[in-house]
């Protein structure tokens, strides 16, 4: 099998750079946040390709935006030289669906939540995988283990932890095949998840044993180092000189009882900044990673604005929650 080179991405990179040029920028998001109502904000979004959004409820907005992302994934799946690049972003929806199926099987009388269509597997395929007694693989093994954990402990959170750890393992394996920016991005994503678990565990008064279940391997800050610092509310020195230096300072404030929103915002902005240099890469796998991450941020910010308008959240509060964008 021939080695994939950056030149193999010439056509798809040109297409995605063209799409990025028409993505929603910081100023446009600010104008949407300042719009009189959700209809006016959605009207502005139409200029960027977001048409026919169902504005009835935050849930229908979410479903409409998920369809946009699913369509983008399907388009790229047909033309990418390396499907693993898309898998990096699709994996989380497979594991989201896995969590729903595991919990639904334990509560057959409850109505199942809708499954996402944005994963590698369709809803029908992942249902079939979950029901199979012979299937193998990381996702299947993780679902089986999560089901056993839930049956034994009656604790859905512990079952979720097992699936989360499998998600990070599979994502890291995928990134190791790709190398470069993708590998650095996933390492940072692991660091963000671990620092977030640490902060939330402190805020909830959980034990070090609880935190141990939640931490994933593969970050730049070793799991054991974080565990040894438990329950220190200041771990900022561990992240000095790293992309999470600013977020770690907000983490201390969040663990001290302040709002958690600034910490979450700083984490997301660190992930965006991690891919900032890829904007200047004319073609190659990094151009795809940049686009997919930018699409996630764009949809997240647009969801925040539209749902916020529906719920009557103030313009100032919406703006506080908007993430940085690279476009």
Protein backbone atom coordinates (compact mmCIF):
# COMPACT_ATOMS: atom_id res chain seq x y z
CA UNK A 1 0.00 0.00 0.00
CA UNK A 2 1.47 3.35 -1.03
CA UNK A 3 2.28 5.96 1.60
CA UNK A 4 -0.16 8.88 1.87
CA UNK A 5 1.55 12.20 1.14
CA UNK A 6 0.44 15.81 1.61
CA UNK A 7 0.10 16.09 -2.17
CA UNK A 8 -2.72 13.54 -2.00
CA UNK A 9 -4.70 16.18 -0.12
CA UNK A 10 -4.39 18.92 -2.76
CA UNK A 11 -7.98 18.81 -3.97
CA UNK A 12 -9.69 18.23 -0.64
CA UNK A 13 -7.53 20.92 1.01
CA UNK A 14 -8.51 23.47 -1.62
CA UNK A 15 -12.17 22.62 -1.09
CA UNK A 16 -11.94 22.93 2.69
CA UNK A 17 -9.95 26.16 2.60
CA UNK A 18 -12.74 27.54 0.42
CA UNK A 19 -15.32 26.43 3.01
CA UNK A 20 -13.30 27.98 5.84
CA UNK A 21 -13.34 31.32 4.04
CA UNK A 22 -17.13 31.30 4.40
CA UNK A 23 -17.31 30.17 8.03
CA UNK A 24 -18.72 32.41 10.76
CA UNK A 25 -16.09 34.73 12.24
CA UNK A 26 -15.84 36.40 15.63
CA UNK A 27 -17.52 39.64 14.55
CA UNK A 28 -20.40 37.80 12.90
CA UNK A 29 -20.97 35.73 16.03
CA UNK A 30 -21.06 38.93 18.09
CA UNK A 31 -23.72 40.40 15.79
CA UNK A 32 -25.79 37.22 16.09
CA UNK A 33 -25.53 37.35 19.88
CA UNK A 34 -26.78 40.93 19.75
CA UNK A 35 -29.72 40.07 17.49
CA UNK A 36 -33.18 40.98 18.74
CA UNK A 37 -34.44 37.39 18.78
CA UNK A 38 -33.62 33.86 17.63
CA UNK A 39 -35.24 34.40 14.24
CA UNK A 40 -33.00 37.39 13.53
CA UNK A 41 -29.90 35.47 14.62
CA UNK A 42 -30.85 32.49 12.45
CA UNK A 43 -31.42 34.82 9.50
CA UNK A 44 -27.80 35.96 9.77
CA UNK A 45 -26.64 32.35 9.95
CA UNK A 46 -28.31 31.68 6.59
CA UNK A 47 -25.55 33.73 4.94
CA UNK A 48 -23.12 31.00 6.08
CA UNK A 49 -25.13 28.04 4.83
CA UNK A 50 -27.23 27.32 7.92
CA UNK A 51 -30.68 27.16 6.36
CA UNK A 52 -33.91 25.45 7.39
CA UNK A 53 -33.03 25.34 11.09
CA UNK A 54 -35.88 24.28 13.36
CA UNK A 55 -36.04 27.02 16.00
CA UNK A 56 -38.92 25.54 18.02
CA UNK A 57 -36.83 24.48 21.04
CA UNK A 58 -33.17 24.12 22.00
CA UNK A 59 -33.54 20.40 21.26
CA UNK A 60 -34.74 21.01 17.70
CA UNK A 61 -31.92 23.50 17.15
CA UNK A 62 -29.49 20.85 18.34
CA UNK A 63 -30.97 18.28 15.97
CA UNK A 64 -30.81 20.69 13.02
CA UNK A 65 -27.16 21.53 13.65
CA UNK A 66 -26.26 17.87 14.13
CA UNK A 67 -27.66 17.19 10.66
CA UNK A 68 -25.37 19.86 9.22
CA UNK A 69 -22.33 18.24 10.80
CA UNK A 70 -23.43 14.74 9.77
CA UNK A 71 -23.76 15.91 6.16
CA UNK A 72 -20.27 17.43 6.28
CA UNK A 73 -18.85 14.19 7.64
CA UNK A 74 -20.56 12.13 4.96
CA UNK A 75 -19.18 14.38 2.23
CA UNK A 76 -15.64 14.07 3.57
CA UNK A 77 -15.91 10.32 4.10
CA UNK A 78 -16.16 9.88 0.33
CA UNK A 79 -13.04 11.85 -0.56
CA UNK A 80 -10.48 11.73 2.27
CA UNK A 81 -7.28 9.79 1.51
CA UNK A 82 -7.08 8.81 5.22
CA UNK A 83 -10.45 7.97 6.83
CA UNK A 84 -8.71 7.94 10.22
CA UNK A 85 -8.66 11.75 10.13
CA UNK A 86 -12.44 11.82 10.14
CA UNK A 87 -12.59 9.03 12.71
CA UNK A 88 -10.81 11.31 15.20
CA UNK A 89 -13.91 13.50 15.23
CA UNK A 90 -16.54 10.80 14.71
CA UNK A 91 -15.43 8.54 17.52
CA UNK A 92 -17.04 10.62 20.27
CA UNK A 93 -20.48 10.09 18.72
CA UNK A 94 -19.98 6.31 18.63
CA UNK A 95 -19.18 6.39 22.34
CA UNK A 96 -22.05 8.80 23.03
CA UNK A 97 -24.36 6.27 21.40
CA UNK A 98 -22.74 3.45 23.36
CA UNK A 99 -23.55 5.21 26.64
CA UNK A 100 -27.19 5.56 25.62
CA UNK A 101 -27.48 1.88 24.65
CA UNK A 102 -25.83 0.61 27.83
CA UNK A 103 -28.12 2.66 30.06
CA UNK A 104 -31.22 1.90 28.00
CA UNK A 105 -30.57 -1.85 28.27
CA UNK A 106 -30.44 -1.48 32.05
CA UNK A 107 -33.74 0.45 32.06
CA UNK A 108 -35.89 -1.22 29.38
CA UNK A 109 -39.01 0.57 30.62
CA UNK A 110 -37.48 4.02 29.94
CA UNK A 111 -37.66 5.68 26.55
CA UNK A 112 -34.35 5.53 24.69
CA UNK A 113 -32.71 8.82 23.80
CA UNK A 114 -32.21 9.45 20.06
CA UNK A 115 -28.91 8.11 18.77
CA UNK A 116 -26.48 10.33 16.89
CA UNK A 117 -25.93 9.86 13.14
CA UNK A 118 -22.51 11.52 13.27
CA UNK A 119 -20.44 8.50 14.32
CA UNK A 120 -18.56 5.98 12.24
CA UNK A 121 -21.45 3.57 12.77
CA UNK A 122 -25.05 4.32 11.94
CA UNK A 123 -27.58 3.97 14.78
CA UNK A 124 -28.67 0.59 13.39
CA UNK A 125 -25.08 -0.62 13.09
CA UNK A 126 -24.18 0.26 16.66
CA UNK A 127 -27.37 -1.36 17.95
CA UNK A 128 -26.40 -4.51 16.05
CA UNK A 129 -22.87 -4.35 17.49
CA UNK A 130 -24.20 -3.95 21.02
CA UNK A 131 -26.55 -6.92 20.63
CA UNK A 132 -23.93 -9.19 19.03
CA UNK A 133 -22.49 -12.02 21.11
CA UNK A 134 -19.57 -12.63 18.77
CA UNK A 135 -18.37 -9.18 17.68
CA UNK A 136 -14.92 -8.00 18.77
CA UNK A 137 -13.14 -4.66 18.95
CA UNK A 138 -12.45 -1.79 21.31
CA UNK A 139 -15.95 -0.31 21.17
CA UNK A 140 -17.73 -3.65 21.60
CA UNK A 141 -15.46 -4.65 24.48
CA UNK A 142 -16.03 -1.30 26.16
CA UNK A 143 -19.81 -1.62 25.84
CA UNK A 144 -19.73 -5.10 27.33
CA UNK A 145 -17.54 -3.97 30.23
CA UNK A 146 -19.73 -0.90 30.84
CA UNK A 147 -22.85 -3.07 30.94
CA UNK A 148 -21.22 -5.36 33.48
CA UNK A 149 -20.07 -2.39 35.58
CA UNK A 150 -23.56 -0.90 35.58
CA UNK A 151 -25.16 -4.22 36.54
CA UNK A 152 -22.67 -4.70 39.37
CA UNK A 153 -22.56 -1.16 40.79
CA UNK A 154 -25.84 0.42 39.65
CA UNK A 155 -23.69 3.50 39.04
CA UNK A 156 -24.12 4.94 35.50
CA UNK A 157 -21.21 7.32 36.02
CA UNK A 158 -18.74 4.49 36.54
CA UNK A 159 -20.04 2.83 33.37
CA UNK A 160 -19.53 6.11 31.51
CA UNK A 161 -15.96 6.34 32.81
CA UNK A 162 -15.11 2.99 31.27
CA UNK A 163 -16.47 4.05 27.91
CA UNK A 164 -14.66 7.39 28.11
CA UNK A 165 -11.32 5.68 28.74
CA UNK A 166 -11.88 3.35 25.79
CA UNK A 167 -12.74 6.39 23.66
CA UNK A 168 -9.46 8.07 24.51
CA UNK A 169 -7.48 4.88 23.89
CA UNK A 170 -9.02 4.42 20.48
CA UNK A 171 -8.60 8.10 19.61
CA UNK A 172 -4.94 8.03 20.64
CA UNK A 173 -4.32 4.90 18.56
CA UNK A 174 -5.91 6.61 15.58
CA UNK A 175 -3.83 9.78 16.10
CA UNK A 176 -0.60 7.77 16.43
CA UNK A 177 -1.15 6.44 12.92
CA UNK A 178 -1.57 9.98 11.60
CA UNK A 179 1.14 11.74 13.62
CA UNK A 180 1.85 15.47 13.37
CA UNK A 181 -0.74 17.99 14.47
CA UNK A 182 -3.45 15.38 15.01
CA UNK A 183 -1.35 13.61 17.63
CA UNK A 184 -0.60 16.89 19.46
CA UNK A 185 -4.28 17.85 19.33
CA UNK A 186 -5.45 14.56 20.83
CA UNK A 187 -2.79 14.73 23.55
CA UNK A 188 -4.08 18.19 24.48
CA UNK A 189 -7.66 16.92 24.36
CA UNK A 190 -6.65 14.23 26.86
CA UNK A 191 -5.06 16.86 29.12
CA UNK A 192 -8.24 18.95 28.95
CA UNK A 193 -10.39 15.95 29.89
CA UNK A 194 -8.14 15.03 32.82
CA UNK A 195 -7.95 18.56 34.20
CA UNK A 196 -11.71 18.87 33.82
CA UNK A 197 -12.19 15.59 35.74
CA UNK A 198 -9.87 16.86 38.48
CA UNK A 199 -11.73 20.18 38.81
CA UNK A 200 -15.18 18.60 38.86
CA UNK A 201 -14.13 15.93 41.35
CA UNK A 202 -12.86 18.61 43.75
CA UNK A 203 -16.02 20.68 43.30
CA UNK A 204 -18.20 17.64 44.03
CA UNK A 205 -16.12 16.56 47.04
CA UNK A 206 -15.26 13.20 45.49
CA UNK A 207 -12.41 10.94 46.59
CA UNK A 208 -9.08 10.22 44.92
CA UNK A 209 -10.39 6.73 44.07
CA UNK A 210 -13.27 8.32 42.17
CA UNK A 211 -10.85 10.54 40.25
CA UNK A 212 -8.66 7.55 39.38
CA UNK A 213 -11.57 5.99 37.47
CA UNK A 214 -12.02 9.18 35.43
CA UNK A 215 -8.43 9.92 34.35
CA UNK A 216 -7.21 8.86 30.92
CA UNK A 217 -3.66 7.89 29.99
CA UNK A 218 -1.84 9.66 27.17
CA UNK A 219 -1.80 13.27 28.33
CA UNK A 220 1.30 15.40 28.81
CA UNK A 221 0.66 15.49 32.58
CA UNK A 222 0.88 11.97 33.99
CA UNK A 223 -2.17 10.55 35.77
CA UNK A 224 -0.14 9.64 38.85
CA UNK A 225 1.11 13.20 39.20
CA UNK A 226 -2.46 14.50 39.28
CA UNK A 227 -3.50 11.82 41.75
CA UNK A 228 -0.58 12.63 44.02
CA UNK A 229 -1.69 16.27 44.13
CA UNK A 230 -5.22 15.38 45.19
CA UNK A 231 -7.10 17.35 46.57
CA UNK A 232 -4.83 20.39 46.05
CA UNK A 233 -6.89 23.25 44.62
CA UNK A 234 -3.87 24.77 42.87
CA UNK A 235 -2.25 22.58 40.22
CA UNK A 236 -1.29 25.47 37.94
CA UNK A 237 2.45 24.71 38.28
CA UNK A 238 1.90 21.40 36.45
CA UNK A 239 0.75 23.30 33.37
CA UNK A 240 3.26 26.18 33.32
CA UNK A 241 4.53 26.66 29.78
CA UNK A 242 1.84 24.40 28.30
CA UNK A 243 -1.25 25.28 26.23
CA UNK A 244 -3.33 24.90 29.41
CA UNK A 245 -1.38 27.42 31.50
CA UNK A 246 -4.24 29.94 31.44
CA UNK A 247 -6.94 27.28 31.92
CA UNK A 248 -5.11 25.88 34.96
CA UNK A 249 -5.31 29.28 36.67
CA UNK A 250 -9.06 29.38 36.08
CA UNK A 251 -9.20 25.78 37.34
CA UNK A 252 -7.98 26.97 40.73
CA UNK A 253 -10.74 29.58 40.86
CA UNK A 254 -13.37 27.00 39.85
CA UNK A 255 -12.20 24.60 42.57
CA UNK A 256 -12.33 27.46 45.05
CA UNK A 257 -16.04 27.97 44.44
CA UNK A 258 -16.05 30.47 41.57
CA UNK A 259 -17.94 29.91 38.32
CA UNK A 260 -16.67 27.05 36.18
CA UNK A 261 -17.52 28.77 32.86
CA UNK A 262 -14.21 30.71 32.53
CA UNK A 263 -12.27 27.48 33.06
CA UNK A 264 -14.29 25.62 30.42
CA UNK A 265 -13.91 28.52 28.00
CA UNK A 266 -10.13 28.65 28.52
CA UNK A 267 -9.86 24.89 27.84
CA UNK A 268 -11.81 25.15 24.59
CA UNK A 269 -9.80 28.18 23.51
CA UNK A 270 -6.56 26.28 24.16
CA UNK A 271 -7.74 23.55 21.80
CA UNK A 272 -8.57 26.16 19.16
CA UNK A 273 -5.16 27.82 19.57
CA UNK A 274 -3.45 24.43 19.21
CA UNK A 275 -4.57 24.35 15.59
CA UNK A 276 -3.98 28.04 14.87
CA UNK A 277 -0.82 27.45 12.84
CA UNK A 278 -2.57 24.95 10.57
CA UNK A 279 -4.42 27.87 8.96
CA UNK A 280 -1.17 28.69 7.16
CA UNK A 281 -0.67 25.15 5.85
CA UNK A 282 -1.87 25.26 2.21
CA UNK A 283 -2.60 21.55 1.87
CA UNK A 284 -2.22 18.23 3.65
CA UNK A 285 -3.79 16.32 6.52
CA UNK A 286 -3.45 19.34 8.84
CA UNK A 287 -5.84 21.32 6.64
CA UNK A 288 -8.51 18.66 7.25
CA UNK A 289 -7.92 18.60 11.02
CA UNK A 290 -8.15 22.40 11.08
CA UNK A 291 -11.45 22.41 9.19
CA UNK A 292 -13.08 19.70 11.28
CA UNK A 293 -12.12 21.39 14.55
CA UNK A 294 -13.32 24.77 13.22
CA UNK A 295 -16.63 23.21 12.20
CA UNK A 296 -17.10 21.84 15.72
CA UNK A 297 -16.43 25.27 17.22
CA UNK A 298 -18.73 27.01 14.75
CA UNK A 299 -21.61 24.65 15.50
CA UNK A 300 -21.02 24.91 19.25
CA UNK A 301 -21.08 28.72 19.19
CA UNK A 302 -24.11 28.87 16.91
CA UNK A 303 -25.96 26.41 19.14
CA UNK A 304 -25.10 28.55 22.15
CA UNK A 305 -26.50 31.68 20.50
CA UNK A 306 -29.69 30.18 19.11
CA UNK A 307 -30.52 28.13 22.21
CA UNK A 308 -29.65 31.09 24.40
CA UNK A 309 -32.04 33.32 22.49
CA UNK A 310 -34.82 30.74 22.80
CA UNK A 311 -34.24 30.46 26.57
CA UNK A 312 -34.09 34.22 27.08
CA UNK A 313 -30.44 34.33 28.12
CA UNK A 314 -28.98 37.83 28.01
CA UNK A 315 -26.68 38.99 25.22
CA UNK A 316 -23.85 39.51 27.70
CA UNK A 317 -24.18 35.99 29.10
CA UNK A 318 -24.20 34.49 25.61
CA UNK A 319 -21.10 36.43 24.59
CA UNK A 320 -19.27 35.26 27.71
CA UNK A 321 -19.71 31.67 26.56
CA UNK A 322 -18.60 32.07 22.95
CA UNK A 323 -15.38 30.26 22.05
CA UNK A 324 -12.48 31.68 20.04
CA UNK A 325 -12.50 30.88 16.33
CA UNK A 326 -9.57 30.44 13.94
CA UNK A 327 -11.36 31.73 10.82
